[in-house]
Amino acid sequence: MDKLLIYGGLPMKYQCTNESRTMEPPNIPLGVYSMIFGAVFIPLYILCLAALIQRDLRVMVVYKIMFLLGVCDIVHLICNSLLTGFFFIKGVVFCTNPLLMYVIGCISNGFWGASCIGCFCLVFTRLIDLWSRNLHNFLFGGRRAYAVILICLLYAMCFFLFPSPGLFNAKYHSWLFDPVVDDSGKADVTWLITTNNMLTVTSTFVLYIAFFLSFLYKYTVIYGYRMTSHEKQMFIQSCAISGANVTLALLYVYMLYFPVTFAITISALFLWQFSSAGAAVIYIGINKSVRDKVLRMFIKKKTSTASVLSTAYSWQ
């Protein structure tokens, strides 16, 4: 994106030829599936975000990070479900609309970077909170929690500006870093994405091992009592949210350097979709605070509708 902003046009490697503009045959089943997937989970996730933004939850840094991750996931669902489904149905390749595809890829890169660093911050804050509530409050209490969000946003901006963007290609059923404007078959490996994915995998894995061992030690050896249901919920959902991103990062690192089959390519797309939507399912299924607030929204809406109807009938 930096070259587009500086020079006002796409770099040379993204210049399309007449042959590369040819659209691929549509894939209707994958397209319809992807669009339905997005249409189901995006509204569900928006409801969860409406719960996370409420005052009693957003005061906690962990819920601030979860809200940021939720915004990232919704943007990814728009890309990997709604737009991907439309592209499958139309048989779109990069050269069908180079500028639009390039911008979408840069936006997706940015939110992927925010999602990765957000997952790291999520488990890091939980680990600090586990060992020292005072240290946790000193580092993340009050407005200092917004410093974590700022770090995530700055990290996202780097990913928006500098790496080569992922570009959809219906021929390969995937988002690629190679625009495929010729048949050279050379993969365009972007070091920033690769480094991020490897660091995400290793650092998040190490932190979760430390968190798990600390958790067991604190509750079984030091205190000798079982954790509360709320702490169980927070532990499970933090592991699940970060675990999905770690798995996806590993798979895409593998795909950058090794030849892959059609099954692996489609599996990567499915995993990207489910990792983006999975947090909404976790919030509704595990997090009682979020689930109760979502249910309360529906109950309040039904109550308001019933009141309006009863008032209307009383005037007849």
C-alpha atoms as a PDB file:
ATOM      1  CA  MET A   1       0.000   0.000   0.000  1.00  0.00           C
ATOM      2  CA  ASP A   2       2.910   2.386   0.659  1.00  0.00           C
ATOM      3  CA  LYS A   3       3.946   2.271  -3.016  1.00  0.00           C
ATOM      4  CA  LEU A   4       0.371   2.913  -4.133  1.00  0.00           C
ATOM      5  CA  LEU A   5       0.178   5.960  -1.854  1.00  0.00           C
ATOM      6  CA  ILE A   6       3.618   7.291  -2.852  1.00  0.00           C
ATOM      7  CA  TYR A   7       3.559   6.669  -6.622  1.00  0.00           C
ATOM      8  CA  GLY A   8      -0.185   6.775  -7.224  1.00  0.00           C
ATOM      9  CA  GLY A   9      -0.273   3.400  -8.961  1.00  0.00           C
ATOM     10  CA  LEU A  10       0.343  -0.319  -8.504  1.00  0.00           C
ATOM     11  CA  PRO A  11       3.941  -1.645  -8.601  1.00  0.00           C
ATOM     12  CA  MET A  12       5.207  -3.262 -11.814  1.00  0.00           C
ATOM     13  CA  LYS A  13       4.671  -6.822 -10.612  1.00  0.00           C
ATOM     14  CA  TYR A  14       0.933  -6.066 -10.342  1.00  0.00           C
ATOM     15  CA  GLN A  15       0.588  -4.793 -13.922  1.00  0.00           C
ATOM     16  CA  CYS A  16      -1.881  -7.057 -15.720  1.00  0.00           C
ATOM     17  CA  THR A  17      -1.785  -8.308 -19.311  1.00  0.00           C
ATOM     18  CA  ASN A  18      -4.796  -9.048 -21.492  1.00  0.00           C
ATOM     19  CA  GLU A  19      -4.321 -12.778 -20.908  1.00  0.00           C
ATOM     20  CA  SER A  20      -4.223 -12.398 -17.118  1.00  0.00           C
ATOM     21  CA  ARG A  21      -7.572 -10.561 -17.107  1.00  0.00           C
ATOM     22  CA  THR A  22      -9.431 -13.715 -18.138  1.00  0.00           C
ATOM     23  CA  MET A  23     -11.950 -14.724 -15.490  1.00  0.00           C
ATOM     24  CA  GLU A  24     -12.078 -18.300 -14.216  1.00  0.00           C
ATOM     25  CA  PRO A  25     -15.135 -20.588 -14.281  1.00  0.00           C
ATOM     26  CA  PRO A  26     -17.389 -19.843 -11.285  1.00  0.00           C
ATOM     27  CA  ASN A  27     -17.558 -22.157  -8.293  1.00  0.00           C
ATOM     28  CA  ILE A  28     -21.189 -21.812  -7.241  1.00  0.00           C
ATOM     29  CA  PRO A  29     -21.216 -24.289  -4.291  1.00  0.00           C
ATOM     30  CA  LEU A  30     -18.213 -22.697  -2.550  1.00  0.00           C
ATOM     31  CA  GLY A  31     -19.520 -19.230  -3.325  1.00  0.00           C
ATOM     32  CA  VAL A  32     -22.985 -19.848  -1.912  1.00  0.00           C
ATOM     33  CA  TYR A  33     -21.572 -21.609   1.157  1.00  0.00           C
ATOM     34  CA  SER A  34     -19.162 -18.749   1.897  1.00  0.00           C
ATOM     35  CA  MET A  35     -21.820 -16.056   1.540  1.00  0.00           C
ATOM     36  CA  ILE A  36     -24.279 -17.944   3.767  1.00  0.00           C
ATOM     37  CA  PHE A  37     -21.523 -18.458   6.340  1.00  0.00           C
ATOM     38  CA  GLY A  38     -20.837 -14.736   6.457  1.00  0.00           C
ATOM     39  CA  ALA A  39     -24.524 -13.802   6.503  1.00  0.00           C
ATOM     40  CA  VAL A  40     -25.066 -16.026   9.558  1.00  0.00           C
ATOM     41  CA  PHE A  41     -22.013 -15.220  11.659  1.00  0.00           C
ATOM     42  CA  ILE A  42     -21.482 -11.503  11.024  1.00  0.00           C
ATOM     43  CA  PRO A  43     -24.809 -10.472  12.663  1.00  0.00           C
ATOM     44  CA  LEU A  44     -24.135 -12.914  15.522  1.00  0.00           C
ATOM     45  CA  TYR A  45     -20.716 -11.380  16.093  1.00  0.00           C
ATOM     46  CA  ILE A  46     -22.128  -7.841  15.988  1.00  0.00           C
ATOM     47  CA  LEU A  47     -24.479  -8.806  18.825  1.00  0.00           C
ATOM     48  CA  CYS A  48     -21.496 -10.039  20.841  1.00  0.00           C
ATOM     49  CA  LEU A  49     -19.657  -6.766  20.226  1.00  0.00           C
ATOM     50  CA  ALA A  50     -22.721  -4.862  21.393  1.00  0.00           C
ATOM     51  CA  ALA A  51     -22.452  -6.814  24.652  1.00  0.00           C
ATOM     52  CA  LEU A  52     -18.679  -6.329  24.982  1.00  0.00           C
ATOM     53  CA  ILE A  53     -18.981  -2.559  24.577  1.00  0.00           C
ATOM     54  CA  GLN A  54     -21.282  -2.205  27.589  1.00  0.00           C
ATOM     55  CA  ARG A  55     -19.769  -0.326  30.497  1.00  0.00           C
ATOM     56  CA  ASP A  56     -19.441  -3.119  33.068  1.00  0.00           C
ATOM     57  CA  LEU A  57     -17.373  -5.223  30.642  1.00  0.00           C
ATOM     58  CA  ARG A  58     -15.379  -2.641  28.716  1.00  0.00           C
ATOM     59  CA  VAL A  59     -13.714  -1.345  31.900  1.00  0.00           C
ATOM     60  CA  MET A  60     -11.604  -4.544  31.926  1.00  0.00           C
ATOM     61  CA  VAL A  61      -8.585  -4.596  29.629  1.00  0.00           C
ATOM     62  CA  VAL A  62      -9.255  -8.197  28.571  1.00  0.00           C
ATOM     63  CA  TYR A  63     -12.656  -7.199  27.180  1.00  0.00           C
ATOM     64  CA  LYS A  64     -11.142  -4.189  25.418  1.00  0.00           C
ATOM     65  CA  ILE A  65      -8.772  -6.569  23.638  1.00  0.00           C
ATOM     66  CA  MET A  66     -11.617  -8.975  22.890  1.00  0.00           C
ATOM     67  CA  PHE A  67     -13.601  -6.110  21.363  1.00  0.00           C
ATOM     68  CA  LEU A  68     -10.647  -5.214  19.128  1.00  0.00           C
ATOM     69  CA  LEU A  69     -10.272  -8.857  18.111  1.00  0.00           C
ATOM     70  CA  GLY A  70     -13.998  -8.923  17.377  1.00  0.00           C
ATOM     71  CA  VAL A  71     -13.716  -5.969  14.997  1.00  0.00           C
ATOM     72  CA  CYS A  72     -10.809  -7.725  13.260  1.00  0.00           C
ATOM     73  CA  ASP A  73     -12.838 -10.925  12.965  1.00  0.00           C
ATOM     74  CA  ILE A  74     -15.833  -9.131  11.443  1.00  0.00           C
ATOM     75  CA  VAL A  75     -13.607  -7.494   8.817  1.00  0.00           C
ATOM     76  CA  HIS A  76     -12.082 -10.899   8.076  1.00  0.00           C
ATOM     77  CA  LEU A  77     -15.543 -12.461   7.789  1.00  0.00           C
ATOM     78  CA  ILE A  78     -16.464  -9.806   5.243  1.00  0.00           C
ATOM     79  CA  CYS A  79     -13.309 -10.689   3.281  1.00  0.00           C
ATOM     80  CA  ASN A  80     -13.178 -14.475   3.660  1.00  0.00           C
ATOM     81  CA  SER A  81     -16.921 -15.135   3.495  1.00  0.00           C
ATOM     82  CA  LEU A  82     -19.025 -12.444   1.803  1.00  0.00           C
ATOM     83  CA  LEU A  83     -16.433 -11.139  -0.670  1.00  0.00           C
ATOM     84  CA  THR A  84     -14.839 -14.549  -1.200  1.00  0.00           C
ATOM     85  CA  GLY A  85     -18.245 -16.058  -1.907  1.00  0.00           C
ATOM     86  CA  PHE A  86     -19.020 -13.332  -4.433  1.00  0.00           C
ATOM     87  CA  PHE A  87     -15.603 -13.808  -6.064  1.00  0.00           C
ATOM     88  CA  PHE A  88     -16.158 -17.581  -6.305  1.00  0.00           C
ATOM     89  CA  ILE A  89     -19.537 -17.071  -7.962  1.00  0.00           C
ATOM     90  CA  LYS A  90     -18.083 -14.579 -10.466  1.00  0.00           C
ATOM     91  CA  GLY A  91     -14.817 -16.458 -11.071  1.00  0.00           C
ATOM     92  CA  VAL A  92     -12.755 -13.416 -10.078  1.00  0.00           C
ATOM     93  CA  VAL A  93      -8.956 -13.203 -10.297  1.00  0.00           C
ATOM     94  CA  PHE A  94      -6.669 -10.335  -9.316  1.00  0.00           C
ATOM     95  CA  CYS A  95      -6.654  -8.796 -12.778  1.00  0.00           C
ATOM     96  CA  THR A  96     -10.454  -8.661 -12.908  1.00  0.00           C
ATOM     97  CA  ASN A  97     -10.204  -5.492 -10.802  1.00  0.00           C
ATOM     98  CA  PRO A  98      -6.576  -4.970  -9.731  1.00  0.00           C
ATOM     99  CA  LEU A  99      -6.934  -1.793  -7.664  1.00  0.00           C
ATOM    100  CA  LEU A 100      -9.970  -2.986  -5.693  1.00  0.00           C
ATOM    101  CA  MET A 101      -8.397  -6.392  -5.027  1.00  0.00           C
ATOM    102  CA  TYR A 102      -5.127  -4.769  -3.948  1.00  0.00           C
ATOM    103  CA  VAL A 103      -6.855  -2.435  -1.470  1.00  0.00           C
ATOM    104  CA  ILE A 104      -8.969  -5.284  -0.029  1.00  0.00           C
ATOM    105  CA  GLY A 105      -5.800  -7.346   0.421  1.00  0.00           C
ATOM    106  CA  CYS A 106      -4.032  -4.503   2.245  1.00  0.00           C
ATOM    107  CA  ILE A 107      -7.005  -4.000   4.571  1.00  0.00           C
ATOM    108  CA  SER A 108      -7.102  -7.725   5.306  1.00  0.00           C
ATOM    109  CA  ASN A 109      -3.351  -7.673   6.024  1.00  0.00           C
ATOM    110  CA  GLY A 110      -3.784  -4.833   8.493  1.00  0.00           C
ATOM    111  CA  PHE A 111      -6.521  -6.529  10.466  1.00  0.00           C
ATOM    112  CA  TRP A 112      -4.606  -9.822  10.425  1.00  0.00           C
ATOM    113  CA  GLY A 113      -1.659  -8.041  12.043  1.00  0.00           C
ATOM    114  CA  ALA A 114      -3.953  -6.502  14.672  1.00  0.00           C
ATOM    115  CA  SER A 115      -5.498  -9.900  15.323  1.00  0.00           C
ATOM    116  CA  CYS A 116      -2.099 -11.552  15.827  1.00  0.00           C
ATOM    117  CA  ILE A 117      -0.720  -8.957  18.233  1.00  0.00           C
ATOM    118  CA  GLY A 118      -4.117  -8.790  19.948  1.00  0.00           C
ATOM    119  CA  CYS A 119      -4.028 -12.521  20.677  1.00  0.00           C
ATOM    120  CA  PHE A 120      -0.538 -12.136  22.103  1.00  0.00           C
ATOM    121  CA  CYS A 121      -1.658  -9.245  24.328  1.00  0.00           C
ATOM    122  CA  LEU A 122      -4.721 -11.216  25.431  1.00  0.00           C
ATOM    123  CA  VAL A 123      -2.745 -14.118  26.861  1.00  0.00           C
ATOM    124  CA  PHE A 124      -0.015 -11.783  28.196  1.00  0.00           C
ATOM    125  CA  THR A 125      -2.496  -9.736  30.228  1.00  0.00           C
ATOM    126  CA  ARG A 126      -4.113 -12.923  31.541  1.00  0.00           C
ATOM    127  CA  LEU A 127      -0.700 -14.259  32.625  1.00  0.00           C
ATOM    128  CA  ILE A 128       0.170 -11.031  34.460  1.00  0.00           C
ATOM    129  CA  ASP A 129      -3.250 -10.963  36.102  1.00  0.00           C
ATOM    130  CA  LEU A 130      -2.828 -14.570  37.227  1.00  0.00           C
ATOM    131  CA  TRP A 131       0.397 -13.874  39.124  1.00  0.00           C
ATOM    132  CA  SER A 132      -0.037 -10.321  40.356  1.00  0.00           C
ATOM    133  CA  ARG A 133      -3.262  -8.344  40.355  1.00  0.00           C
ATOM    134  CA  ASN A 134      -1.330  -5.284  41.580  1.00  0.00           C
ATOM    135  CA  LEU A 135       1.148  -5.483  38.696  1.00  0.00           C
ATOM    136  CA  HIS A 136      -1.731  -6.024  36.279  1.00  0.00           C
ATOM    137  CA  ASN A 137      -3.498  -2.914  37.561  1.00  0.00           C
ATOM    138  CA  PHE A 138      -0.247  -0.926  37.429  1.00  0.00           C
ATOM    139  CA  LEU A 139       0.421  -1.896  33.799  1.00  0.00           C
ATOM    140  CA  PHE A 140      -3.098  -1.977  32.396  1.00  0.00           C
ATOM    141  CA  GLY A 141      -5.317  -0.165  34.883  1.00  0.00           C
ATOM    142  CA  GLY A 142      -7.422   2.838  33.893  1.00  0.00           C
ATOM    143  CA  ARG A 143      -6.447   4.637  30.700  1.00  0.00           C
ATOM    144  CA  ARG A 144      -3.204   2.651  30.453  1.00  0.00           C
ATOM    145  CA  ALA A 145      -5.265  -0.166  28.948  1.00  0.00           C
ATOM    146  CA  TYR A 146      -5.649   1.961  25.829  1.00  0.00           C
ATOM    147  CA  ALA A 147      -1.875   1.810  25.332  1.00  0.00           C
ATOM    148  CA  VAL A 148      -2.327  -1.885  24.507  1.00  0.00           C
ATOM    149  CA  ILE A 149      -4.973  -1.002  21.926  1.00  0.00           C
ATOM    150  CA  LEU A 150      -2.688   1.690  20.468  1.00  0.00           C
ATOM    151  CA  ILE A 151       0.143  -0.836  20.086  1.00  0.00           C
ATOM    152  CA  CYS A 152      -2.219  -3.166  18.230  1.00  0.00           C
ATOM    153  CA  LEU A 153      -3.358  -0.354  15.922  1.00  0.00           C
ATOM    154  CA  LEU A 154       0.207   0.743  15.136  1.00  0.00           C
ATOM    155  CA  TYR A 155       1.137  -2.863  14.417  1.00  0.00           C
ATOM    156  CA  ALA A 156      -1.895  -3.135  12.142  1.00  0.00           C
ATOM    157  CA  MET A 157      -0.855   0.026  10.286  1.00  0.00           C
ATOM    158  CA  CYS A 158       2.527  -1.534   9.484  1.00  0.00           C
ATOM    159  CA  PHE A 159       0.761  -4.545   8.008  1.00  0.00           C
ATOM    160  CA  PHE A 160      -1.582  -2.322   6.037  1.00  0.00           C
ATOM    161  CA  LEU A 161       1.245  -0.299   4.500  1.00  0.00           C
ATOM    162  CA  PHE A 162       4.235  -2.535   3.872  1.00  0.00           C
ATOM    163  CA  PRO A 163       3.676  -6.275   3.126  1.00  0.00           C
ATOM    164  CA  SER A 164       2.469  -7.612  -0.202  1.00  0.00           C
ATOM    165  CA  PRO A 165      -1.304  -8.036   0.115  1.00  0.00           C
ATOM    166  CA  GLY A 166      -3.190 -11.303  -0.141  1.00  0.00           C
ATOM    167  CA  LEU A 167      -5.107 -11.401  -3.446  1.00  0.00           C
ATOM    168  CA  PHE A 168      -8.019 -13.681  -4.277  1.00  0.00           C
ATOM    169  CA  ASN A 169      -7.714 -16.020  -7.250  1.00  0.00           C
ATOM    170  CA  ALA A 170     -10.647 -18.267  -8.168  1.00  0.00           C
ATOM    171  CA  LYS A 171      -8.345 -20.568 -10.155  1.00  0.00           C
ATOM    172  CA  TYR A 172      -6.455 -21.519  -6.978  1.00  0.00           C
ATOM    173  CA  HIS A 173      -9.474 -21.199  -4.645  1.00  0.00           C
ATOM    174  CA  SER A 174      -7.474 -19.064  -2.262  1.00  0.00           C
ATOM    175  CA  TRP A 175      -6.005 -15.696  -1.318  1.00  0.00           C
ATOM    176  CA  LEU A 176      -2.408 -15.572  -2.598  1.00  0.00           C
ATOM    177  CA  PHE A 177       0.486 -13.178  -2.154  1.00  0.00           C
ATOM    178  CA  ASP A 178       1.268 -13.681  -5.845  1.00  0.00           C
ATOM    179  CA  PRO A 179      -0.901 -11.637  -8.259  1.00  0.00           C
ATOM    180  CA  VAL A 180      -0.438 -14.443 -10.864  1.00  0.00           C
ATOM    181  CA  VAL A 181      -0.191 -12.054 -13.811  1.00  0.00           C
ATOM    182  CA  ASP A 182       1.923 -14.610 -15.697  1.00  0.00           C
ATOM    183  CA  ASP A 183       2.714 -18.320 -15.560  1.00  0.00           C
ATOM    184  CA  SER A 184       6.139 -18.022 -13.940  1.00  0.00           C
ATOM    185  CA  GLY A 185       4.908 -19.950 -10.908  1.00  0.00           C
ATOM    186  CA  LYS A 186       7.120 -17.922  -8.564  1.00  0.00           C
ATOM    187  CA  ALA A 187       5.589 -17.436  -5.150  1.00  0.00           C
ATOM    188  CA  ASP A 188       5.770 -13.924  -3.746  1.00  0.00           C
ATOM    189  CA  VAL A 189       6.915 -14.480  -0.167  1.00  0.00           C
ATOM    190  CA  THR A 190       6.568 -11.440   2.068  1.00  0.00           C
ATOM    191  CA  TRP A 191       9.025 -11.543   4.957  1.00  0.00           C
ATOM    192  CA  LEU A 192       6.917  -9.402   7.284  1.00  0.00           C
ATOM    193  CA  ILE A 193       3.913 -11.741   7.082  1.00  0.00           C
ATOM    194  CA  THR A 194       6.116 -14.821   7.440  1.00  0.00           C
ATOM    195  CA  THR A 195       8.025 -13.387  10.406  1.00  0.00           C
ATOM    196  CA  ASN A 196       4.804 -12.323  12.088  1.00  0.00           C
ATOM    197  CA  ASN A 197       3.233 -15.736  11.640  1.00  0.00           C
ATOM    198  CA  MET A 198       6.264 -17.519  13.019  1.00  0.00           C
ATOM    199  CA  LEU A 199       6.549 -15.157  15.982  1.00  0.00           C
ATOM    200  CA  THR A 200       2.827 -15.465  16.621  1.00  0.00           C
ATOM    201  CA  VAL A 201       3.107 -19.235  16.677  1.00  0.00           C
ATOM    202  CA  THR A 202       6.150 -19.427  18.940  1.00  0.00           C
ATOM    203  CA  SER A 203       5.438 -16.561  21.352  1.00  0.00           C
ATOM    204  CA  THR A 204       1.756 -17.343  21.815  1.00  0.00           C
ATOM    205  CA  PHE A 205       2.540 -21.036  22.267  1.00  0.00           C
ATOM    206  CA  VAL A 206       5.223 -20.270  24.878  1.00  0.00           C
ATOM    207  CA  LEU A 207       2.931 -17.878  26.740  1.00  0.00           C
ATOM    208  CA  TYR A 208       0.114 -20.401  26.806  1.00  0.00           C
ATOM    209  CA  ILE A 209       2.409 -23.099  28.148  1.00  0.00           C
ATOM    210  CA  ALA A 210       3.535 -20.646  30.842  1.00  0.00           C
ATOM    211  CA  PHE A 211      -0.059 -19.664  31.528  1.00  0.00           C
ATOM    212  CA  PHE A 212      -1.220 -23.270  31.771  1.00  0.00           C
ATOM    213  CA  LEU A 213       1.614 -24.320  34.100  1.00  0.00           C
ATOM    214  CA  SER A 214       1.184 -21.201  36.233  1.00  0.00           C
ATOM    215  CA  PHE A 215      -2.523 -21.825  36.401  1.00  0.00           C
ATOM    216  CA  LEU A 216      -2.076 -25.408  37.598  1.00  0.00           C
ATOM    217  CA  TYR A 217       0.624 -24.442  40.085  1.00  0.00           C
ATOM    218  CA  LYS A 218      -1.297 -21.555  41.596  1.00  0.00           C
ATOM    219  CA  TYR A 219      -4.600 -23.327  42.029  1.00  0.00           C
ATOM    220  CA  THR A 220      -3.462 -26.829  42.971  1.00  0.00           C
ATOM    221  CA  VAL A 221      -0.172 -26.293  44.828  1.00  0.00           C
ATOM    222  CA  ILE A 222      -0.396 -22.839  46.412  1.00  0.00           C
ATOM    223  CA  TYR A 223      -4.081 -22.428  47.144  1.00  0.00           C
ATOM    224  CA  GLY A 224      -5.329 -25.991  46.938  1.00  0.00           C
ATOM    225  CA  TYR A 225      -8.805 -25.080  45.703  1.00  0.00           C
ATOM    226  CA  ARG A 226     -10.665 -25.212  42.447  1.00  0.00           C
ATOM    227  CA  MET A 227     -10.954 -22.204  40.205  1.00  0.00           C
ATOM    228  CA  THR A 228     -14.268 -20.388  39.869  1.00  0.00           C
ATOM    229  CA  SER A 229     -16.540 -20.936  36.888  1.00  0.00           C
ATOM    230  CA  HIS A 230     -15.811 -17.396  35.653  1.00  0.00           C
ATOM    231  CA  GLU A 231     -12.054 -18.058  35.689  1.00  0.00           C
ATOM    232  CA  LYS A 232     -12.603 -21.347  33.858  1.00  0.00           C
ATOM    233  CA  GLN A 233     -14.609 -19.512  31.211  1.00  0.00           C
ATOM    234  CA  MET A 234     -11.956 -16.829  30.747  1.00  0.00           C
ATOM    235  CA  PHE A 235      -9.216 -19.460  30.491  1.00  0.00           C
ATOM    236  CA  ILE A 236     -11.070 -21.609  27.951  1.00  0.00           C
ATOM    237  CA  GLN A 237     -12.155 -18.736  25.725  1.00  0.00           C
ATOM    238  CA  SER A 238      -8.703 -17.097  25.769  1.00  0.00           C
ATOM    239  CA  CYS A 239      -7.122 -20.411  24.715  1.00  0.00           C
ATOM    240  CA  ALA A 240      -9.740 -21.013  22.033  1.00  0.00           C
ATOM    241  CA  ILE A 241      -9.526 -17.530  20.508  1.00  0.00           C
ATOM    242  CA  SER A 242      -5.732 -17.491  20.348  1.00  0.00           C
ATOM    243  CA  GLY A 243      -5.455 -21.170  19.423  1.00  0.00           C
ATOM    244  CA  ALA A 244      -7.461 -20.672  16.239  1.00  0.00           C
ATOM    245  CA  ASN A 245      -5.160 -17.871  15.073  1.00  0.00           C
ATOM    246  CA  VAL A 246      -2.036 -19.862  15.932  1.00  0.00           C
ATOM    247  CA  THR A 247      -3.248 -22.855  13.897  1.00  0.00           C
ATOM    248  CA  LEU A 248      -4.126 -20.630  10.950  1.00  0.00           C
ATOM    249  CA  ALA A 249      -0.751 -18.881  11.093  1.00  0.00           C
ATOM    250  CA  LEU A 250       1.074 -22.244  11.010  1.00  0.00           C
ATOM    251  CA  LEU A 251      -0.919 -23.437   8.026  1.00  0.00           C
ATOM    252  CA  TYR A 252      -0.276 -20.291   6.005  1.00  0.00           C
ATOM    253  CA  VAL A 253       3.443 -20.394   6.776  1.00  0.00           C
ATOM    254  CA  TYR A 254       3.452 -23.954   5.438  1.00  0.00           C
ATOM    255  CA  MET A 255       1.550 -22.887   2.316  1.00  0.00           C
ATOM    256  CA  LEU A 256       4.104 -20.150   1.584  1.00  0.00           C
ATOM    257  CA  TYR A 257       7.021 -22.571   1.271  1.00  0.00           C
ATOM    258  CA  PHE A 258       5.608 -25.950   0.245  1.00  0.00           C
ATOM    259  CA  PRO A 259       3.362 -27.130  -2.584  1.00  0.00           C
ATOM    260  CA  VAL A 260      -0.154 -27.822  -1.370  1.00  0.00           C
ATOM    261  CA  THR A 261      -3.081 -29.835  -2.630  1.00  0.00           C
ATOM    262  CA  PHE A 262      -6.574 -28.568  -3.360  1.00  0.00           C
ATOM    263  CA  ALA A 263      -7.756 -30.120  -0.077  1.00  0.00           C
ATOM    264  CA  ILE A 264      -5.198 -28.146   1.969  1.00  0.00           C
ATOM    265  CA  THR A 265      -6.080 -24.925   0.149  1.00  0.00           C
ATOM    266  CA  ILE A 266      -9.787 -25.336   0.867  1.00  0.00           C
ATOM    267  CA  SER A 267      -9.026 -26.423   4.444  1.00  0.00           C
ATOM    268  CA  ALA A 268      -7.059 -23.201   4.949  1.00  0.00           C
ATOM    269  CA  LEU A 269     -10.019 -21.156   3.717  1.00  0.00           C
ATOM    270  CA  PHE A 270     -12.441 -23.043   5.978  1.00  0.00           C
ATOM    271  CA  LEU A 271     -10.096 -22.628   8.949  1.00  0.00           C
ATOM    272  CA  TRP A 272      -9.805 -18.894   8.267  1.00  0.00           C
ATOM    273  CA  GLN A 273     -13.586 -18.618   8.201  1.00  0.00           C
ATOM    274  CA  PHE A 274     -14.093 -20.669  11.365  1.00  0.00           C
ATOM    275  CA  SER A 275     -11.263 -18.932  13.232  1.00  0.00           C
ATOM    276  CA  SER A 276     -12.915 -15.593  12.428  1.00  0.00           C
ATOM    277  CA  ALA A 277     -16.379 -16.763  13.500  1.00  0.00           C
ATOM    278  CA  GLY A 278     -15.300 -19.059  16.328  1.00  0.00           C
ATOM    279  CA  ALA A 279     -15.003 -16.344  18.954  1.00  0.00           C
ATOM    280  CA  ALA A 280     -18.676 -15.416  18.519  1.00  0.00           C
ATOM    281  CA  VAL A 281     -19.648 -19.038  19.155  1.00  0.00           C
ATOM    282  CA  ILE A 282     -17.336 -19.142  22.177  1.00  0.00           C
ATOM    283  CA  TYR A 283     -18.803 -15.946  23.612  1.00  0.00           C
ATOM    284  CA  ILE A 284     -22.365 -17.218  23.238  1.00  0.00           C
ATOM    285  CA  GLY A 285     -21.560 -20.754  24.385  1.00  0.00           C
ATOM    286  CA  ILE A 286     -19.049 -20.172  27.194  1.00  0.00           C
ATOM    287  CA  ASN A 287     -19.027 -16.551  28.347  1.00  0.00           C
ATOM    288  CA  LYS A 288     -22.069 -16.200  30.587  1.00  0.00           C
ATOM    289  CA  SER A 289     -21.700 -12.416  30.864  1.00  0.00           C
ATOM    290  CA  VAL A 290     -21.816 -11.904  27.096  1.00  0.00           C
ATOM    291  CA  ARG A 291     -24.541 -14.512  26.578  1.00  0.00           C
ATOM    292  CA  ASP A 292     -26.798 -12.958  29.218  1.00  0.00           C
ATOM    293  CA  LYS A 293     -26.377  -9.502  27.704  1.00  0.00           C
ATOM    294  CA  VAL A 294     -27.198 -10.777  24.210  1.00  0.00           C
ATOM    295  CA  LEU A 295     -30.301 -12.565  25.496  1.00  0.00           C
ATOM    296  CA  ARG A 296     -31.286  -9.438  27.406  1.00  0.00           C
ATOM    297  CA  MET A 297     -31.153  -7.453  24.157  1.00  0.00           C
ATOM    298  CA  PHE A 298     -33.684  -9.798  22.572  1.00  0.00           C
ATOM    299  CA  ILE A 299     -35.916  -9.840  25.648  1.00  0.00           C
ATOM    300  CA  LYS A 300     -35.848  -6.042  25.839  1.00  0.00           C
ATOM    301  CA  LYS A 301     -36.625  -5.802  22.123  1.00  0.00           C
ATOM    302  CA  LYS A 302     -39.573  -8.182  22.428  1.00  0.00           C
ATOM    303  CA  THR A 303     -40.843  -6.315  25.493  1.00  0.00           C
ATOM    304  CA  SER A 304     -40.630  -2.987  23.660  1.00  0.00           C
ATOM    305  CA  THR A 305     -42.462  -4.429  20.658  1.00  0.00           C
ATOM    306  CA  ALA A 306     -45.185  -5.853  22.881  1.00  0.00           C
ATOM    307  CA  SER A 307     -45.589  -2.476  24.626  1.00  0.00           C
ATOM    308  CA  VAL A 308     -45.957  -0.675  21.303  1.00  0.00           C
ATOM    309  CA  LEU A 309     -48.553  -3.171  20.092  1.00  0.00           C
ATOM    310  CA  SER A 310     -50.554  -2.994  23.327  1.00  0.00           C
ATOM    311  CA  THR A 311     -50.517   0.809  23.178  1.00  0.00           C
ATOM    312  CA  ALA A 312     -51.686   0.740  19.573  1.00  0.00           C
ATOM    313  CA  TYR A 313     -54.556  -1.610  20.392  1.00  0.00           C
ATOM    314  CA  SER A 314     -55.594   0.512  23.379  1.00  0.00           C
ATOM    315  CA  TRP A 315     -56.101   3.496  21.066  1.00  0.00           C
ATOM    316  CA  GLN A 316     -58.361   1.574  18.706  1.00  0.00           C
END
